[in-house]
Amino acid sequence: MRPGHIEGVEFSPRELHLYPEDLKLNYCDKAPITLLSIFSGKTIICNYVASIDPKKVIKAQVWFQVFYIVPGGHALAPVTYSVNPMVKPP
C-alpha cells in the first residue's frame, strides 16, 4: 500500500433501499494517508449534502454508499450510510 489521499468520492444506492434525490460533496480532507496513519486511527473528514423530498419519505430510512477514490482512480471499499430524515415543522 502506497501513501496517498482521498481524491474524490462516488455515491451509489444501497440495494433496494430509499435513496436521496441528490447527493453532493462539499468538502473532503486531502491530508496524506500513510500506513502509519491507518494503524493510528486517522480520521478523514468529508462533508456531504443529501437532498430528500419529504413528500416521498415519511419515517423511513434513506441509504447510500460512498466509494472513496484515491489517486489513480481506484476506489476503496464502499462505506454504507443510513439517514433518518427529520422534517422541521413549518
PDB file of N, CA and C in Angstrom:
ATOM      1  N   MET A   1       0.838  -1.184   0.000  1.00  0.00           N
ATOM      2  CA  MET A   1       0.000   0.000   0.000  1.00  0.00           C
ATOM      3  C   MET A   1       0.879   1.241   0.000  1.00  0.00           C
ATOM      4  N   ARG A   2       0.633   2.129  -0.937  1.00  0.00           N
ATOM      5  CA  ARG A   2       1.424   3.353  -1.040  1.00  0.00           C
ATOM      6  C   ARG A   2       0.701   4.509  -0.362  1.00  0.00           C
ATOM      7  N   PRO A   3       1.453   5.498   0.120  1.00  0.00           N
ATOM      8  CA  PRO A   3       0.805   6.685   0.692  1.00  0.00           C
ATOM      9  C   PRO A   3      -0.047   7.383  -0.369  1.00  0.00           C
ATOM     10  N   GLY A   4      -1.100   8.032   0.050  1.00  0.00           N
ATOM     11  CA  GLY A   4      -1.974   8.739  -0.875  1.00  0.00           C
ATOM     12  C   GLY A   4      -2.911   9.647  -0.115  1.00  0.00           C
ATOM     13  N   HIS A   5      -4.011  10.004  -0.753  1.00  0.00           N
ATOM     14  CA  HIS A   5      -5.034  10.830  -0.127  1.00  0.00           C
ATOM     15  C   HIS A   5      -6.359  10.560  -0.838  1.00  0.00           C
ATOM     16  N   ILE A   6      -7.440  11.054  -0.281  1.00  0.00           N
ATOM     17  CA  ILE A   6      -8.744  10.898  -0.925  1.00  0.00           C
ATOM     18  C   ILE A   6      -8.842  11.933  -2.037  1.00  0.00           C
ATOM     19  N   GLU A   7      -8.997  11.460  -3.243  1.00  0.00           N
ATOM     20  CA  GLU A   7      -9.071  12.324  -4.424  1.00  0.00           C
ATOM     21  C   GLU A   7     -10.504  12.794  -4.673  1.00  0.00           C
ATOM     22  N   GLY A   8     -11.469  11.947  -4.350  1.00  0.00           N
ATOM     23  CA  GLY A   8     -12.868  12.287  -4.573  1.00  0.00           C
ATOM     24  C   GLY A   8     -13.748  11.175  -4.043  1.00  0.00           C
ATOM     25  N   VAL A   9     -15.035  11.281  -4.292  1.00  0.00           N
ATOM     26  CA  VAL A   9     -15.978  10.255  -3.847  1.00  0.00           C
ATOM     27  C   VAL A   9     -16.985   9.972  -4.956  1.00  0.00           C
ATOM     28  N   GLU A  10     -17.570   8.776  -4.896  1.00  0.00           N
ATOM     29  CA  GLU A  10     -18.676   8.410  -5.782  1.00  0.00           C
ATOM     30  C   GLU A  10     -19.803   7.890  -4.907  1.00  0.00           C
ATOM     31  N   PHE A  11     -21.025   8.308  -5.202  1.00  0.00           N
ATOM     32  CA  PHE A  11     -22.196   7.887  -4.444  1.00  0.00           C
ATOM     33  C   PHE A  11     -22.965   6.849  -5.244  1.00  0.00           C
ATOM     34  N   SER A  12     -23.584   5.908  -4.547  1.00  0.00           N
ATOM     35  CA  SER A  12     -24.436   4.932  -5.226  1.00  0.00           C
ATOM     36  C   SER A  12     -25.538   4.475  -4.279  1.00  0.00           C
ATOM     37  N   PRO A  13     -26.650   3.953  -4.836  1.00  0.00           N
ATOM     38  CA  PRO A  13     -27.719   3.431  -3.992  1.00  0.00           C
ATOM     39  C   PRO A  13     -27.239   2.189  -3.237  1.00  0.00           C
ATOM     40  N   ARG A  14     -27.927   1.839  -2.190  1.00  0.00           N
ATOM     41  CA  ARG A  14     -27.633   0.632  -1.413  1.00  0.00           C
ATOM     42  C   ARG A  14     -28.793  -0.330  -1.604  1.00  0.00           C
ATOM     43  N   GLU A  15     -28.603  -1.347  -2.435  1.00  0.00           N
ATOM     44  CA  GLU A  15     -29.610  -2.365  -2.726  1.00  0.00           C
ATOM     45  C   GLU A  15     -30.930  -1.697  -3.124  1.00  0.00           C
ATOM     46  N   LEU A  16     -32.039  -2.075  -2.531  1.00  0.00           N
ATOM     47  CA  LEU A  16     -33.335  -1.511  -2.904  1.00  0.00           C
ATOM     48  C   LEU A  16     -33.856  -0.511  -1.889  1.00  0.00           C
ATOM     49  N   HIS A  17     -32.974  -0.030  -1.008  1.00  0.00           N
ATOM     50  CA  HIS A  17     -33.379   0.949  -0.006  1.00  0.00           C
ATOM     51  C   HIS A  17     -33.666   2.296  -0.662  1.00  0.00           C
ATOM     52  N   LEU A  18     -34.400   3.154   0.052  1.00  0.00           N
ATOM     53  CA  LEU A  18     -34.649   4.510  -0.434  1.00  0.00           C
ATOM     54  C   LEU A  18     -33.332   5.245  -0.588  1.00  0.00           C
ATOM     55  N   TYR A  19     -33.242   6.081  -1.622  1.00  0.00           N
ATOM     56  CA  TYR A  19     -32.015   6.791  -1.961  1.00  0.00           C
ATOM     57  C   TYR A  19     -32.311   8.292  -2.021  1.00  0.00           C
ATOM     58  N   PRO A  20     -31.395   9.148  -1.575  1.00  0.00           N
ATOM     59  CA  PRO A  20     -31.649  10.601  -1.646  1.00  0.00           C
ATOM     60  C   PRO A  20     -31.886  11.065  -3.078  1.00  0.00           C
ATOM     61  N   GLU A  21     -32.632  12.173  -3.199  1.00  0.00           N
ATOM     62  CA  GLU A  21     -32.890  12.771  -4.516  1.00  0.00           C
ATOM     63  C   GLU A  21     -31.576  13.215  -5.161  1.00  0.00           C
ATOM     64  N   ASP A  22     -30.683  13.754  -4.332  1.00  0.00           N
ATOM     65  CA  ASP A  22     -29.404  14.258  -4.835  1.00  0.00           C
ATOM     66  C   ASP A  22     -28.377  14.191  -3.713  1.00  0.00           C
ATOM     67  N   LEU A  23     -27.138  13.893  -4.060  1.00  0.00           N
ATOM     68  CA  LEU A  23     -26.028  13.900  -3.111  1.00  0.00           C
ATOM     69  C   LEU A  23     -24.916  14.745  -3.689  1.00  0.00           C
ATOM     70  N   LYS A  24     -24.351  15.598  -2.865  1.00  0.00           N
ATOM     71  CA  LYS A  24     -23.299  16.499  -3.332  1.00  0.00           C
ATOM     72  C   LYS A  24     -22.171  16.521  -2.309  1.00  0.00           C
ATOM     73  N   LEU A  25     -20.950  16.416  -2.788  1.00  0.00           N
ATOM     74  CA  LEU A  25     -19.776  16.516  -1.928  1.00  0.00           C
ATOM     75  C   LEU A  25     -19.393  17.978  -1.799  1.00  0.00           C
ATOM     76  N   ASN A  26     -19.367  18.490  -0.568  1.00  0.00           N
ATOM     77  CA  ASN A  26     -18.943  19.868  -0.326  1.00  0.00           C
ATOM     78  C   ASN A  26     -17.453  19.968  -0.068  1.00  0.00           C
ATOM     79  N   TYR A  27     -16.938  19.017   0.705  1.00  0.00           N
ATOM     80  CA  TYR A  27     -15.545  19.086   1.122  1.00  0.00           C
ATOM     81  C   TYR A  27     -15.062  17.695   1.510  1.00  0.00           C
ATOM     82  N   CYS A  28     -13.805  17.390   1.202  1.00  0.00           N
ATOM     83  CA  CYS A  28     -13.183  16.158   1.666  1.00  0.00           C
ATOM     84  C   CYS A  28     -11.715  16.451   1.954  1.00  0.00           C
ATOM     85  N   ASP A  29     -11.288  16.079   3.144  1.00  0.00           N
ATOM     86  CA  ASP A  29      -9.917  16.293   3.598  1.00  0.00           C
ATOM     87  C   ASP A  29      -8.940  15.576   2.671  1.00  0.00           C
ATOM     88  N   LYS A  30      -7.959  16.285   2.160  1.00  0.00           N
ATOM     89  CA  LYS A  30      -6.967  15.681   1.261  1.00  0.00           C
ATOM     90  C   LYS A  30      -5.627  15.472   1.951  1.00  0.00           C
ATOM     91  N   ALA A  31      -5.663  15.349   3.279  1.00  0.00           N
ATOM     92  CA  ALA A  31      -4.439  15.092   4.032  1.00  0.00           C
ATOM     93  C   ALA A  31      -3.872  13.733   3.631  1.00  0.00           C
ATOM     94  N   PRO A  32      -2.542  13.599   3.648  1.00  0.00           N
ATOM     95  CA  PRO A  32      -1.936  12.322   3.256  1.00  0.00           C
ATOM     96  C   PRO A  32      -2.362  11.166   4.162  1.00  0.00           C
ATOM     97  N   ILE A  33      -2.560  10.012   3.543  1.00  0.00           N
ATOM     98  CA  ILE A  33      -2.866   8.789   4.273  1.00  0.00           C
ATOM     99  C   ILE A  33      -1.658   7.875   4.116  1.00  0.00           C
ATOM    100  N   THR A  34      -1.086   7.470   5.225  1.00  0.00           N
ATOM    101  CA  THR A  34       0.063   6.568   5.204  1.00  0.00           C
ATOM    102  C   THR A  34      -0.298   5.298   5.965  1.00  0.00           C
ATOM    103  N   LEU A  35       0.542   4.292   5.860  1.00  0.00           N
ATOM    104  CA  LEU A  35       0.309   3.056   6.586  1.00  0.00           C
ATOM    105  C   LEU A  35       0.277   3.328   8.086  1.00  0.00           C
ATOM    106  N   LEU A  36       1.150   4.202   8.566  1.00  0.00           N
ATOM    107  CA  LEU A  36       1.170   4.545   9.992  1.00  0.00           C
ATOM    108  C   LEU A  36      -0.127   5.240  10.405  1.00  0.00           C
ATOM    109  N   SER A  37      -0.633   6.142   9.566  1.00  0.00           N
ATOM    110  CA  SER A  37      -1.866   6.857   9.926  1.00  0.00           C
ATOM    111  C   SER A  37      -3.065   5.925   9.978  1.00  0.00           C
ATOM    112  N   ILE A  38      -3.058   4.867   9.166  1.00  0.00           N
ATOM    113  CA  ILE A  38      -4.161   3.904   9.193  1.00  0.00           C
ATOM    114  C   ILE A  38      -4.187   3.168  10.525  1.00  0.00           C
ATOM    115  N   PHE A  39      -3.022   2.714  10.975  1.00  0.00           N
ATOM    116  CA  PHE A  39      -2.964   1.970  12.232  1.00  0.00           C
ATOM    117  C   PHE A  39      -3.136   2.859  13.455  1.00  0.00           C
ATOM    118  N   SER A  40      -2.878   4.156  13.324  1.00  0.00           N
ATOM    119  CA  SER A  40      -3.053   5.046  14.469  1.00  0.00           C
ATOM    120  C   SER A  40      -4.470   5.621  14.535  1.00  0.00           C
ATOM    121  N   GLY A  41      -5.320   5.262  13.586  1.00  0.00           N
ATOM    122  CA  GLY A  41      -6.720   5.684  13.628  1.00  0.00           C
ATOM    123  C   GLY A  41      -6.954   7.074  13.062  1.00  0.00           C
ATOM    124  N   LYS A  42      -6.322   7.422  11.954  1.00  0.00           N
ATOM    125  CA  LYS A  42      -6.501   8.726  11.328  1.00  0.00           C
ATOM    126  C   LYS A  42      -7.954   8.942  10.911  1.00  0.00           C
ATOM    127  N   THR A  43      -8.459  10.125  11.164  1.00  0.00           N
ATOM    128  CA  THR A  43      -9.813  10.491  10.773  1.00  0.00           C
ATOM    129  C   THR A  43      -9.752  11.412   9.562  1.00  0.00           C
ATOM    130  N   ILE A  44     -10.542  11.098   8.551  1.00  0.00           N
ATOM    131  CA  ILE A  44     -10.641  11.944   7.363  1.00  0.00           C
ATOM    132  C   ILE A  44     -12.046  12.517   7.348  1.00  0.00           C
ATOM    133  N   ILE A  45     -12.157  13.819   7.267  1.00  0.00           N
ATOM    134  CA  ILE A  45     -13.463  14.482   7.321  1.00  0.00           C
ATOM    135  C   ILE A  45     -13.938  14.814   5.913  1.00  0.00           C
ATOM    136  N   CYS A  46     -15.152  14.352   5.601  1.00  0.00           N
ATOM    137  CA  CYS A  46     -15.807  14.689   4.342  1.00  0.00           C
ATOM    138  C   CYS A  46     -17.194  15.217   4.673  1.00  0.00           C
ATOM    139  N   ASN A  47     -17.651  16.203   3.917  1.00  0.00           N
ATOM    140  CA  ASN A  47     -18.946  16.825   4.159  1.00  0.00           C
ATOM    141  C   ASN A  47     -19.814  16.631   2.929  1.00  0.00           C
ATOM    142  N   TYR A  48     -20.975  15.981   3.105  1.00  0.00           N
ATOM    143  CA  TYR A  48     -21.925  15.745   2.018  1.00  0.00           C
ATOM    144  C   TYR A  48     -23.231  16.465   2.323  1.00  0.00           C
ATOM    145  N   VAL A  49     -23.964  16.782   1.284  1.00  0.00           N
ATOM    146  CA  VAL A  49     -25.317  17.311   1.433  1.00  0.00           C
ATOM    147  C   VAL A  49     -26.236  16.369   0.662  1.00  0.00           C
ATOM    148  N   ALA A  50     -27.262  15.872   1.350  1.00  0.00           N
ATOM    149  CA  ALA A  50     -28.242  14.987   0.720  1.00  0.00           C
ATOM    150  C   ALA A  50     -29.567  15.721   0.621  1.00  0.00           C
ATOM    151  N   SER A  51     -30.159  15.733  -0.563  1.00  0.00           N
ATOM    152  CA  SER A  51     -31.485  16.328  -0.761  1.00  0.00           C
ATOM    153  C   SER A  51     -32.515  15.213  -0.712  1.00  0.00           C
ATOM    154  N   ILE A  52     -33.487  15.367   0.201  1.00  0.00           N
ATOM    155  CA  ILE A  52     -34.518  14.353   0.386  1.00  0.00           C
ATOM    156  C   ILE A  52     -35.873  15.032   0.286  1.00  0.00           C
ATOM    157  N   ASP A  53     -36.756  14.492  -0.553  1.00  0.00           N
ATOM    158  CA  ASP A  53     -38.103  15.040  -0.717  1.00  0.00           C
ATOM    159  C   ASP A  53     -38.988  14.510   0.408  1.00  0.00           C
ATOM    160  N   PRO A  54     -39.412  15.377   1.340  1.00  0.00           N
ATOM    161  CA  PRO A  54     -40.204  14.895   2.485  1.00  0.00           C
ATOM    162  C   PRO A  54     -41.562  14.327   2.090  1.00  0.00           C
ATOM    163  N   LYS A  55     -42.048  14.658   0.887  1.00  0.00           N
ATOM    164  CA  LYS A  55     -43.333  14.120   0.433  1.00  0.00           C
ATOM    165  C   LYS A  55     -43.214  12.633   0.074  1.00  0.00           C
ATOM    166  N   LYS A  56     -42.003  12.211  -0.304  1.00  0.00           N
ATOM    167  CA  LYS A  56     -41.781  10.821  -0.689  1.00  0.00           C
ATOM    168  C   LYS A  56     -41.289   9.965   0.473  1.00  0.00           C
ATOM    169  N   VAL A  57     -40.669  10.599   1.454  1.00  0.00           N
ATOM    170  CA  VAL A  57     -40.055   9.856   2.553  1.00  0.00           C
ATOM    171  C   VAL A  57     -40.692  10.291   3.868  1.00  0.00           C
ATOM    172  N   ILE A  58     -41.415   9.384   4.480  1.00  0.00           N
ATOM    173  CA  ILE A  58     -42.008   9.675   5.780  1.00  0.00           C
ATOM    174  C   ILE A  58     -41.604   8.561   6.739  1.00  0.00           C
ATOM    175  N   LYS A  59     -40.813   8.918   7.743  1.00  0.00           N
ATOM    176  CA  LYS A  59     -40.358   7.980   8.772  1.00  0.00           C
ATOM    177  C   LYS A  59     -39.682   6.747   8.188  1.00  0.00           C
ATOM    178  N   ALA A  60     -38.971   6.893   7.099  1.00  0.00           N
ATOM    179  CA  ALA A  60     -38.244   5.783   6.510  1.00  0.00           C
ATOM    180  C   ALA A  60     -36.769   6.142   6.427  1.00  0.00           C
ATOM    181  N   GLN A  61     -35.933   5.143   6.576  1.00  0.00           N
ATOM    182  CA  GLN A  61     -34.504   5.400   6.450  1.00  0.00           C
ATOM    183  C   GLN A  61     -34.124   5.534   4.991  1.00  0.00           C
ATOM    184  N   VAL A  62     -33.140   6.377   4.743  1.00  0.00           N
ATOM    185  CA  VAL A  62     -32.584   6.562   3.415  1.00  0.00           C
ATOM    186  C   VAL A  62     -31.154   6.030   3.470  1.00  0.00           C
ATOM    187  N   TRP A  63     -30.778   5.217   2.496  1.00  0.00           N
ATOM    188  CA  TRP A  63     -29.466   4.579   2.488  1.00  0.00           C
ATOM    189  C   TRP A  63     -28.672   4.995   1.254  1.00  0.00           C
ATOM    190  N   PHE A  64     -27.362   5.115   1.411  1.00  0.00           N
ATOM    191  CA  PHE A  64     -26.490   5.310   0.252  1.00  0.00           C
ATOM    192  C   PHE A  64     -25.098   4.816   0.580  1.00  0.00           C
ATOM    193  N   GLN A  65     -24.328   4.531  -0.462  1.00  0.00           N
ATOM    194  CA  GLN A  65     -22.953   4.088  -0.311  1.00  0.00           C
ATOM    195  C   GLN A  65     -22.022   5.163  -0.832  1.00  0.00           C
ATOM    196  N   VAL A  66     -20.848   5.240  -0.218  1.00  0.00           N
ATOM    197  CA  VAL A  66     -19.825   6.161  -0.673  1.00  0.00           C
ATOM    198  C   VAL A  66     -18.570   5.355  -0.986  1.00  0.00           C
ATOM    199  N   PHE A  67     -18.063   5.531  -2.198  1.00  0.00           N
ATOM    200  CA  PHE A  67     -16.784   4.943  -2.588  1.00  0.00           C
ATOM    201  C   PHE A  67     -15.759   6.065  -2.547  1.00  0.00           C
ATOM    202  N   TYR A  68     -14.728   5.916  -1.756  1.00  0.00           N
ATOM    203  CA  TYR A  68     -13.673   6.915  -1.668  1.00  0.00           C
ATOM    204  C   TYR A  68     -12.641   6.606  -2.742  1.00  0.00           C
ATOM    205  N   ILE A  69     -12.371   7.605  -3.582  1.00  0.00           N
ATOM    206  CA  ILE A  69     -11.466   7.441  -4.722  1.00  0.00           C
ATOM    207  C   ILE A  69     -10.090   7.990  -4.353  1.00  0.00           C
ATOM    208  N   VAL A  70      -9.060   7.183  -4.608  1.00  0.00           N
ATOM    209  CA  VAL A  70      -7.680   7.589  -4.332  1.00  0.00           C
ATOM    210  C   VAL A  70      -6.992   7.880  -5.666  1.00  0.00           C
ATOM    211  N   PRO A  71      -5.807   8.523  -5.644  1.00  0.00           N
ATOM    212  CA  PRO A  71      -5.111   8.801  -6.902  1.00  0.00           C
ATOM    213  C   PRO A  71      -4.965   7.528  -7.748  1.00  0.00           C
ATOM    214  N   GLY A  72      -5.123   7.683  -9.043  1.00  0.00           N
ATOM    215  CA  GLY A  72      -5.084   6.546  -9.949  1.00  0.00           C
ATOM    216  C   GLY A  72      -6.478   6.034 -10.269  1.00  0.00           C
ATOM    217  N   GLY A  73      -7.503   6.615  -9.622  1.00  0.00           N
ATOM    218  CA  GLY A  73      -8.876   6.247  -9.916  1.00  0.00           C
ATOM    219  C   GLY A  73      -9.382   4.997  -9.224  1.00  0.00           C
ATOM    220  N   HIS A  74      -8.602   4.449  -8.299  1.00  0.00           N
ATOM    221  CA  HIS A  74      -9.036   3.249  -7.587  1.00  0.00           C
ATOM    222  C   HIS A  74      -9.982   3.625  -6.451  1.00  0.00           C
ATOM    223  N   ALA A  75     -10.978   2.771  -6.233  1.00  0.00           N
ATOM    224  CA  ALA A  75     -11.947   3.014  -5.165  1.00  0.00           C
ATOM    225  C   ALA A  75     -11.648   2.104  -3.979  1.00  0.00           C
ATOM    226  N   LEU A  76     -11.724   2.684  -2.789  1.00  0.00           N
ATOM    227  CA  LEU A  76     -11.609   1.883  -1.578  1.00  0.00           C
ATOM    228  C   LEU A  76     -12.940   1.172  -1.364  1.00  0.00           C
ATOM    229  N   ALA A  77     -12.991   0.246  -0.449  1.00  0.00           N
ATOM    230  CA  ALA A  77     -14.230  -0.481  -0.154  1.00  0.00           C
ATOM    231  C   ALA A  77     -15.341   0.511   0.182  1.00  0.00           C
ATOM    232  N   PRO A  78     -16.571   0.235  -0.268  1.00  0.00           N
ATOM    233  CA  PRO A  78     -17.658   1.183  -0.009  1.00  0.00           C
ATOM    234  C   PRO A  78     -18.017   1.254   1.471  1.00  0.00           C
ATOM    235  N   VAL A  79     -18.473   2.426   1.864  1.00  0.00           N
ATOM    236  CA  VAL A  79     -18.975   2.645   3.215  1.00  0.00           C
ATOM    237  C   VAL A  79     -20.457   2.965   3.071  1.00  0.00           C
ATOM    238  N   THR A  80     -21.302   2.279   3.839  1.00  0.00           N
ATOM    239  CA  THR A  80     -22.749   2.480   3.763  1.00  0.00           C
ATOM    240  C   THR A  80     -23.205   3.400   4.876  1.00  0.00           C
ATOM    241  N   TYR A  81     -24.041   4.356   4.524  1.00  0.00           N
ATOM    242  CA  TYR A  81     -24.615   5.290   5.496  1.00  0.00           C
ATOM    243  C   TYR A  81     -26.128   5.188   5.433  1.00  0.00           C
ATOM    244  N   SER A  82     -26.767   5.275   6.592  1.00  0.00           N
ATOM    245  CA  SER A  82     -28.225   5.356   6.629  1.00  0.00           C
ATOM    246  C   SER A  82     -28.597   6.651   7.356  1.00  0.00           C
ATOM    247  N   VAL A  83     -29.654   7.267   6.876  1.00  0.00           N
ATOM    248  CA  VAL A  83     -30.088   8.556   7.411  1.00  0.00           C
ATOM    249  C   VAL A  83     -31.563   8.454   7.773  1.00  0.00           C
ATOM    250  N   ASN A  84     -31.918   8.951   8.944  1.00  0.00           N
ATOM    251  CA  ASN A  84     -33.323   9.076   9.331  1.00  0.00           C
ATOM    252  C   ASN A  84     -33.717  10.528   9.111  1.00  0.00           C
ATOM    253  N   PRO A  85     -34.442  10.823   8.020  1.00  0.00           N
ATOM    254  CA  PRO A  85     -34.802  12.221   7.741  1.00  0.00           C
ATOM    255  C   PRO A  85     -35.655  12.816   8.859  1.00  0.00           C
ATOM    256  N   MET A  86     -35.363  14.055   9.176  1.00  0.00           N
ATOM    257  CA  MET A  86     -36.148  14.795  10.175  1.00  0.00           C
ATOM    258  C   MET A  86     -36.768  15.996   9.478  1.00  0.00           C
ATOM    259  N   VAL A  87     -38.082  16.072   9.508  1.00  0.00           N
ATOM    260  CA  VAL A  87     -38.776  17.169   8.862  1.00  0.00           C
ATOM    261  C   VAL A  87     -39.099  18.213   9.923  1.00  0.00           C
ATOM    262  N   LYS A  88     -38.642  19.445   9.680  1.00  0.00           N
ATOM    263  CA  LYS A  88     -38.933  20.534  10.602  1.00  0.00           C
ATOM    264  C   LYS A  88     -40.346  21.043  10.365  1.00  0.00           C
ATOM    265  N   PRO A  89     -41.100  21.300  11.431  1.00  0.00           N
ATOM    266  CA  PRO A  89     -42.451  21.836  11.230  1.00  0.00           C
ATOM    267  C   PRO A  89     -42.395  23.235  10.612  1.00  0.00           C
ATOM    268  N   PRO A  90     -43.413  23.577   9.795  1.00  0.00           N
ATOM    269  CA  PRO A  90     -43.387  24.896   9.126  1.00  0.00           C
ATOM    270  C   PRO A  90     -43.522  26.043  10.105  1.00  0.00           C
TER     271      PRO A  90
END
